[in-house]
All heavy atoms as atom14 arrays in JSON, in Angstrom:
{
  "sequence": "NILWKKIDRVHTISDDLYNRAIKLGLDSNIEC",
  "atom14_mask": [
    [1, 1, 1, 1, 1, 1, 1, 1, 0, 0, 0, 0, 0, 0],
    [1, 1, 1, 1, 1, 1, 1, 1, 0, 0, 0, 0, 0, 0],
    [1, 1, 1, 1, 1, 1, 1, 1, 0, 0, 0, 0, 0, 0],
    [1, 1, 1, 1, 1, 1, 1, 1, 1, 1, 1, 1, 1, 1],
    [1, 1, 1, 1, 1, 1, 1, 1, 1, 0, 0, 0, 0, 0],
    [1, 1, 1, 1, 1, 1, 1, 1, 1, 0, 0, 0, 0, 0],
    [1, 1, 1, 1, 1, 1, 1, 1, 0, 0, 0, 0, 0, 0],
    [1, 1, 1, 1, 1, 1, 1, 1, 0, 0, 0, 0, 0, 0],
    [1, 1, 1, 1, 1, 1, 1, 1, 1, 1, 1, 0, 0, 0],
    [1, 1, 1, 1, 1, 1, 1, 0, 0, 0, 0, 0, 0, 0],
    [1, 1, 1, 1, 1, 1, 1, 1, 1, 1, 0, 0, 0, 0],
    [1, 1, 1, 1, 1, 1, 1, 0, 0, 0, 0, 0, 0, 0],
    [1, 1, 1, 1, 1, 1, 1, 1, 0, 0, 0, 0, 0, 0],
    [1, 1, 1, 1, 1, 1, 0, 0, 0, 0, 0, 0, 0, 0],
    [1, 1, 1, 1, 1, 1, 1, 1, 0, 0, 0, 0, 0, 0],
    [1, 1, 1, 1, 1, 1, 1, 1, 0, 0, 0, 0, 0, 0],
    [1, 1, 1, 1, 1, 1, 1, 1, 0, 0, 0, 0, 0, 0],
    [1, 1, 1, 1, 1, 1, 1, 1, 1, 1, 1, 1, 0, 0],
    [1, 1, 1, 1, 1, 1, 1, 1, 0, 0, 0, 0, 0, 0],
    [1, 1, 1, 1, 1, 1, 1, 1, 1, 1, 1, 0, 0, 0],
    [1, 1, 1, 1, 1, 0, 0, 0, 0, 0, 0, 0, 0, 0],
    [1, 1, 1, 1, 1, 1, 1, 1, 0, 0, 0, 0, 0, 0],
    [1, 1, 1, 1, 1, 1, 1, 1, 1, 0, 0, 0, 0, 0],
    [1, 1, 1, 1, 1, 1, 1, 1, 0, 0, 0, 0, 0, 0],
    [1, 1, 1, 1, 0, 0, 0, 0, 0, 0, 0, 0, 0, 0],
    [1, 1, 1, 1, 1, 1, 1, 1, 0, 0, 0, 0, 0, 0],
    [1, 1, 1, 1, 1, 1, 1, 1, 0, 0, 0, 0, 0, 0],
    [1, 1, 1, 1, 1, 1, 0, 0, 0, 0, 0, 0, 0, 0],
    [1, 1, 1, 1, 1, 1, 1, 1, 0, 0, 0, 0, 0, 0],
    [1, 1, 1, 1, 1, 1, 1, 1, 0, 0, 0, 0, 0, 0],
    [1, 1, 1, 1, 1, 1, 1, 1, 1, 0, 0, 0, 0, 0],
    [1, 1, 1, 1, 1, 1, 0, 0, 0, 0, 0, 0, 0, 0]
  ],
  "atom14_positions": [
    [[-7.0, -0.74, -8.37], [-6.0, -0.53, -9.42], [-5.76, 0.96, -9.71], [-4.62, 1.38, -9.93], [-6.43, -1.24, -10.71], [-6.18, -2.74, -10.64], [-5.71, -3.24, -9.62], [-6.49, -3.45, -11.7], [0.0, 0.0, 0.0], [0.0, 0.0, 0.0], [0.0, 0.0, 0.0], [0.0, 0.0, 0.0], [0.0, 0.0, 0.0], [0.0, 0.0, 0.0]],
    [[-6.82, 1.74, -9.73], [-6.67, 3.19, -9.97], [-6.1, 3.87, -8.72], [-5.2, 4.7, -8.81], [-8.01, 3.83, -10.36], [-8.51, 3.25, -11.69], [-7.89, 5.35, -10.45], [-9.88, 3.73, -12.1], [0.0, 0.0, 0.0], [0.0, 0.0, 0.0], [0.0, 0.0, 0.0], [0.0, 0.0, 0.0], [0.0, 0.0, 0.0], [0.0, 0.0, 0.0]],
    [[-6.61, 3.48, -7.57], [-6.19, 4.11, -6.31], [-4.7, 3.97, -6.07], [-4.04, 4.92, -5.64], [-6.97, 3.5, -5.15], [-6.63, 4.01, -3.74], [-6.94, 5.49, -3.62], [-7.37, 3.21, -2.68], [0.0, 0.0, 0.0], [0.0, 0.0, 0.0], [0.0, 0.0, 0.0], [0.0, 0.0, 0.0], [0.0, 0.0, 0.0], [0.0, 0.0, 0.0]],
    [[-4.14, 2.78, -6.33], [-2.72, 2.56, -6.06], [-1.82, 3.6, -6.75], [-0.75, 3.93, -6.26], [-2.29, 1.17, -6.53], [-2.88, -0.02, -5.85], [-3.14, -1.23, -6.42], [-3.23, -0.18, -4.46], [-3.65, -2.11, -5.51], [-3.71, -1.5, -4.29], [-3.21, 0.66, -3.35], [-4.16, -1.99, -3.07], [-3.67, 0.18, -2.12], [-4.13, -1.12, -1.99]],
    [[-2.28, 4.13, -7.9], [-1.47, 5.08, -8.66], [-1.55, 6.5, -8.13], [-0.78, 7.37, -8.56], [-1.92, 5.07, -10.13], [-1.81, 3.71, -10.81], [-2.45, 3.74, -12.19], [-2.47, 2.37, -12.83], [-3.16, 2.38, -14.15], [0.0, 0.0, 0.0], [0.0, 0.0, 0.0], [0.0, 0.0, 0.0], [0.0, 0.0, 0.0], [0.0, 0.0, 0.0]],
    [[-2.47, 6.77, -7.22], [-2.73, 8.14, -6.77], [-2.21, 8.45, -5.36], [-2.17, 9.61, -4.95], [-4.24, 8.4, -6.78], [-4.99, 7.94, -8.02], [-4.71, 8.81, -9.22], [-5.51, 8.36, -10.43], [-5.4, 9.25, -11.57], [0.0, 0.0, 0.0], [0.0, 0.0, 0.0], [0.0, 0.0, 0.0], [0.0, 0.0, 0.0], [0.0, 0.0, 0.0]],
    [[-1.83, 7.44, -4.62], [-1.54, 7.59, -3.19], [-0.2, 8.27, -2.95], [0.8, 7.96, -3.6], [-1.53, 6.21, -2.49], [-2.9, 5.53, -2.64], [-1.19, 6.34, -1.02], [-2.88, 4.08, -2.23], [0.0, 0.0, 0.0], [0.0, 0.0, 0.0], [0.0, 0.0, 0.0], [0.0, 0.0, 0.0], [0.0, 0.0, 0.0], [0.0, 0.0, 0.0]],
    [[-0.17, 9.18, -1.98], [1.09, 9.8, -1.55], [1.64, 9.13, -0.3], [2.86, 9.06, -0.11], [0.86, 11.29, -1.25], [0.56, 12.08, -2.5], [1.45, 12.2, -3.36], [-0.59, 12.55, -2.66], [0.0, 0.0, 0.0], [0.0, 0.0, 0.0], [0.0, 0.0, 0.0], [0.0, 0.0, 0.0], [0.0, 0.0, 0.0], [0.0, 0.0, 0.0]],
    [[0.76, 8.65, 0.56], [1.22, 8.08, 1.82], [0.2, 7.09, 2.36], [-1.01, 7.27, 2.2], [1.47, 9.19, 2.84], [2.34, 8.78, 4.02], [2.94, 10.02, 4.68], [3.93, 10.66, 3.82], [4.45, 11.85, 4.04], [4.05, 12.56, 5.08], [5.35, 12.35, 3.22], [0.0, 0.0, 0.0], [0.0, 0.0, 0.0], [0.0, 0.0, 0.0]],
    [[0.69, 6.04, 3.0], [-0.16, 4.97, 3.53], [0.0, 4.86, 5.03], [1.11, 4.95, 5.55], [0.2, 3.62, 2.87], [-0.44, 2.46, 3.62], [-0.24, 3.59, 1.41], [0.0, 0.0, 0.0], [0.0, 0.0, 0.0], [0.0, 0.0, 0.0], [0.0, 0.0, 0.0], [0.0, 0.0, 0.0], [0.0, 0.0, 0.0], [0.0, 0.0, 0.0]],
    [[-1.12, 4.67, 5.71], [-1.11, 4.34, 7.13], [-1.67, 2.92, 7.27], [-2.77, 2.63, 6.81], [-1.99, 5.33, 7.92], [-2.44, 4.79, 9.25], [-3.76, 4.87, 9.67], [-1.77, 4.15, 10.24], [-3.87, 4.32, 10.86], [-2.68, 3.87, 11.22], [0.0, 0.0, 0.0], [0.0, 0.0, 0.0], [0.0, 0.0, 0.0], [0.0, 0.0, 0.0]],
    [[-0.9, 2.04, 7.87], [-1.39, 0.69, 8.15], [-1.4, 0.45, 9.65], [-0.56, 1.02, 10.38], [-0.53, -0.38, 7.45], [-1.12, -1.67, 7.65], [0.9, -0.4, 7.98], [0.0, 0.0, 0.0], [0.0, 0.0, 0.0], [0.0, 0.0, 0.0], [0.0, 0.0, 0.0], [0.0, 0.0, 0.0], [0.0, 0.0, 0.0], [0.0, 0.0, 0.0]],
    [[-2.35, -0.36, 10.11], [-2.42, -0.65, 11.55], [-1.7, -1.94, 11.9], [-1.56, -2.27, 13.08], [-3.88, -0.7, 12.05], [-4.68, -1.78, 11.32], [-4.54, 0.67, 11.92], [-6.09, -1.98, 11.87], [0.0, 0.0, 0.0], [0.0, 0.0, 0.0], [0.0, 0.0, 0.0], [0.0, 0.0, 0.0], [0.0, 0.0, 0.0], [0.0, 0.0, 0.0]],
    [[-1.23, -2.68, 10.88], [-0.48, -3.9, 11.16], [0.4, -4.26, 9.97], [0.14, -3.86, 8.83], [-1.43, -5.07, 11.47], [-2.11, -5.49, 10.3], [0.0, 0.0, 0.0], [0.0, 0.0, 0.0], [0.0, 0.0, 0.0], [0.0, 0.0, 0.0], [0.0, 0.0, 0.0], [0.0, 0.0, 0.0], [0.0, 0.0, 0.0], [0.0, 0.0, 0.0]],
    [[1.44, -5.04, 10.22], [2.31, -5.52, 9.16], [1.54, -6.37, 8.17], [1.75, -6.3, 6.96], [3.45, -6.36, 9.75], [4.37, -5.56, 10.64], [4.28, -4.32, 10.64], [5.18, -6.17, 11.36], [0.0, 0.0, 0.0], [0.0, 0.0, 0.0], [0.0, 0.0, 0.0], [0.0, 0.0, 0.0], [0.0, 0.0, 0.0], [0.0, 0.0, 0.0]],
    [[0.66, -7.22, 8.7], [-0.07, -8.15, 7.86], [-0.89, -7.43, 6.78], [-0.88, -7.83, 5.61], [-1.01, -9.01, 8.72], [-1.76, -10.04, 7.9], [-1.22, -11.12, 7.66], [-2.91, -9.73, 7.48], [0.0, 0.0, 0.0], [0.0, 0.0, 0.0], [0.0, 0.0, 0.0], [0.0, 0.0, 0.0], [0.0, 0.0, 0.0], [0.0, 0.0, 0.0]],
    [[-1.58, -6.37, 7.16], [-2.4, -5.64, 6.2], [-1.54, -4.99, 5.12], [-1.91, -4.97, 3.94], [-3.25, -4.59, 6.9], [-4.35, -5.13, 7.83], [-5.11, -3.96, 8.48], [-5.32, -6.01, 7.07], [0.0, 0.0, 0.0], [0.0, 0.0, 0.0], [0.0, 0.0, 0.0], [0.0, 0.0, 0.0], [0.0, 0.0, 0.0], [0.0, 0.0, 0.0]],
    [[-0.39, -4.46, 5.5], [0.51, -3.85, 4.52], [1.0, -4.9, 3.53], [1.0, -4.67, 2.31], [1.69, -3.19, 5.23], [2.7, -2.61, 4.26], [2.45, -1.41, 3.6], [3.89, -3.28, 3.98], [3.37, -0.88, 2.69], [4.81, -2.77, 3.08], [4.54, -1.57, 2.44], [5.45, -1.06, 1.54], [0.0, 0.0, 0.0], [0.0, 0.0, 0.0]],
    [[1.42, -6.05, 4.03], [1.93, -7.1, 3.15], [0.84, -7.62, 2.21], [1.1, -7.95, 1.06], [2.5, -8.24, 3.99], [3.77, -7.84, 4.72], [4.54, -7.03, 4.21], [3.98, -8.38, 5.91], [0.0, 0.0, 0.0], [0.0, 0.0, 0.0], [0.0, 0.0, 0.0], [0.0, 0.0, 0.0], [0.0, 0.0, 0.0], [0.0, 0.0, 0.0]],
    [[-0.39, -7.67, 2.7], [-1.51, -8.07, 1.84], [-1.73, -7.04, 0.73], [-2.02, -7.39, -0.42], [-2.79, -8.21, 2.66], [-2.87, -9.49, 3.49], [-4.13, -9.46, 4.36], [-4.22, -10.64, 5.2], [-4.98, -11.7, 4.91], [-5.7, -11.71, 3.8], [-5.03, -12.73, 5.74], [0.0, 0.0, 0.0], [0.0, 0.0, 0.0], [0.0, 0.0, 0.0]],
    [[-1.61, -5.75, 1.09], [-1.79, -4.68, 0.1], [-0.73, -4.75, -0.99], [-1.02, -4.51, -2.17], [-1.76, -3.32, 0.79], [0.0, 0.0, 0.0], [0.0, 0.0, 0.0], [0.0, 0.0, 0.0], [0.0, 0.0, 0.0], [0.0, 0.0, 0.0], [0.0, 0.0, 0.0], [0.0, 0.0, 0.0], [0.0, 0.0, 0.0], [0.0, 0.0, 0.0]],
    [[0.5, -5.08, -0.63], [1.57, -5.24, -1.62], [1.2, -6.33, -2.61], [1.35, -6.19, -3.83], [2.91, -5.57, -0.93], [3.4, -4.37, -0.08], [3.97, -5.96, -1.97], [3.76, -3.15, -0.87], [0.0, 0.0, 0.0], [0.0, 0.0, 0.0], [0.0, 0.0, 0.0], [0.0, 0.0, 0.0], [0.0, 0.0, 0.0], [0.0, 0.0, 0.0]],
    [[0.65, -7.44, -2.1], [0.24, -8.54, -2.98], [-0.91, -8.13, -3.88], [-1.08, -8.68, -4.98], [-0.14, -9.75, -2.14], [1.01, -10.4, -1.41], [0.55, -11.56, -0.53], [1.74, -12.17, 0.23], [1.29, -13.27, 1.12], [0.0, 0.0, 0.0], [0.0, 0.0, 0.0], [0.0, 0.0, 0.0], [0.0, 0.0, 0.0], [0.0, 0.0, 0.0]],
    [[-1.71, -7.15, -3.42], [-2.85, -6.68, -4.21], [-2.45, -5.62, -5.24], [-3.28, -5.17, -6.02], [-3.93, -6.11, -3.29], [-4.68, -7.12, -2.41], [-5.53, -6.39, -1.36], [-5.56, -8.02, -3.27], [0.0, 0.0, 0.0], [0.0, 0.0, 0.0], [0.0, 0.0, 0.0], [0.0, 0.0, 0.0], [0.0, 0.0, 0.0], [0.0, 0.0, 0.0]],
    [[-1.18, -5.21, -5.21], [-0.71, -4.28, -6.23], [-0.17, -2.96, -5.73], [0.26, -2.12, -6.54], [0.0, 0.0, 0.0], [0.0, 0.0, 0.0], [0.0, 0.0, 0.0], [0.0, 0.0, 0.0], [0.0, 0.0, 0.0], [0.0, 0.0, 0.0], [0.0, 0.0, 0.0], [0.0, 0.0, 0.0], [0.0, 0.0, 0.0], [0.0, 0.0, 0.0]],
    [[-0.17, -2.71, -4.43], [0.39, -1.46, -3.9], [1.88, -1.4, -4.19], [2.61, -2.38, -3.97], [0.15, -1.37, -2.39], [0.76, -0.15, -1.69], [0.03, 1.13, -2.08], [0.75, -0.34, -0.17], [0.0, 0.0, 0.0], [0.0, 0.0, 0.0], [0.0, 0.0, 0.0], [0.0, 0.0, 0.0], [0.0, 0.0, 0.0], [0.0, 0.0, 0.0]],
    [[2.35, -0.26, -4.67], [3.77, -0.04, -4.94], [4.53, 0.05, -3.62], [4.22, 0.89, -2.77], [3.94, 1.25, -5.75], [5.38, 1.47, -6.22], [6.29, 0.79, -5.72], [5.57, 2.34, -7.09], [0.0, 0.0, 0.0], [0.0, 0.0, 0.0], [0.0, 0.0, 0.0], [0.0, 0.0, 0.0], [0.0, 0.0, 0.0], [0.0, 0.0, 0.0]],
    [[5.53, -0.79, -3.46], [6.29, -0.82, -2.2], [7.12, 0.46, -1.99], [7.62, 0.7, -0.9], [7.21, -2.04, -2.16], [8.13, -2.0, -3.23], [0.0, 0.0, 0.0], [0.0, 0.0, 0.0], [0.0, 0.0, 0.0], [0.0, 0.0, 0.0], [0.0, 0.0, 0.0], [0.0, 0.0, 0.0], [0.0, 0.0, 0.0], [0.0, 0.0, 0.0]],
    [[7.25, 1.27, -3.04], [8.01, 2.53, -2.92], [7.16, 3.66, -2.32], [7.71, 4.7, -1.96], [8.54, 2.96, -4.28], [9.65, 2.05, -4.78], [10.54, 1.69, -4.01], [9.59, 1.66, -6.05], [0.0, 0.0, 0.0], [0.0, 0.0, 0.0], [0.0, 0.0, 0.0], [0.0, 0.0, 0.0], [0.0, 0.0, 0.0], [0.0, 0.0, 0.0]],
    [[5.85, 3.47, -2.23], [5.0, 4.48, -1.6], [5.29, 4.51, -0.1], [5.38, 3.47, 0.55], [3.5, 4.18, -1.85], [3.18, 4.33, -3.34], [2.6, 5.09, -1.02], [1.79, 3.88, -3.71], [0.0, 0.0, 0.0], [0.0, 0.0, 0.0], [0.0, 0.0, 0.0], [0.0, 0.0, 0.0], [0.0, 0.0, 0.0], [0.0, 0.0, 0.0]],
    [[5.46, 5.71, 0.43], [5.77, 5.85, 1.86], [4.67, 5.24, 2.71], [3.48, 5.52, 2.53], [5.94, 7.32, 2.22], [7.17, 7.96, 1.57], [7.28, 9.43, 1.91], [6.25, 10.05, 2.2], [8.4, 9.95, 1.88], [0.0, 0.0, 0.0], [0.0, 0.0, 0.0], [0.0, 0.0, 0.0], [0.0, 0.0, 0.0], [0.0, 0.0, 0.0]],
    [[5.07, 4.4, 3.64], [4.11, 3.73, 4.52], [4.56, 3.86, 5.97], [5.75, 3.74, 6.27], [3.98, 2.26, 4.14], [2.77, 1.38, 5.16], [0.0, 0.0, 0.0], [0.0, 0.0, 0.0], [0.0, 0.0, 0.0], [0.0, 0.0, 0.0], [0.0, 0.0, 0.0], [0.0, 0.0, 0.0], [0.0, 0.0, 0.0], [0.0, 0.0, 0.0]]
  ]
}
């Protein structure tokens, strides 16, 4: 919850992991 507010950029190794992170609260506007 705290981390999601601090991130400037995300690296994902698969679509699935990114979509799971969105469900966990990651802001979809953060550059990925």
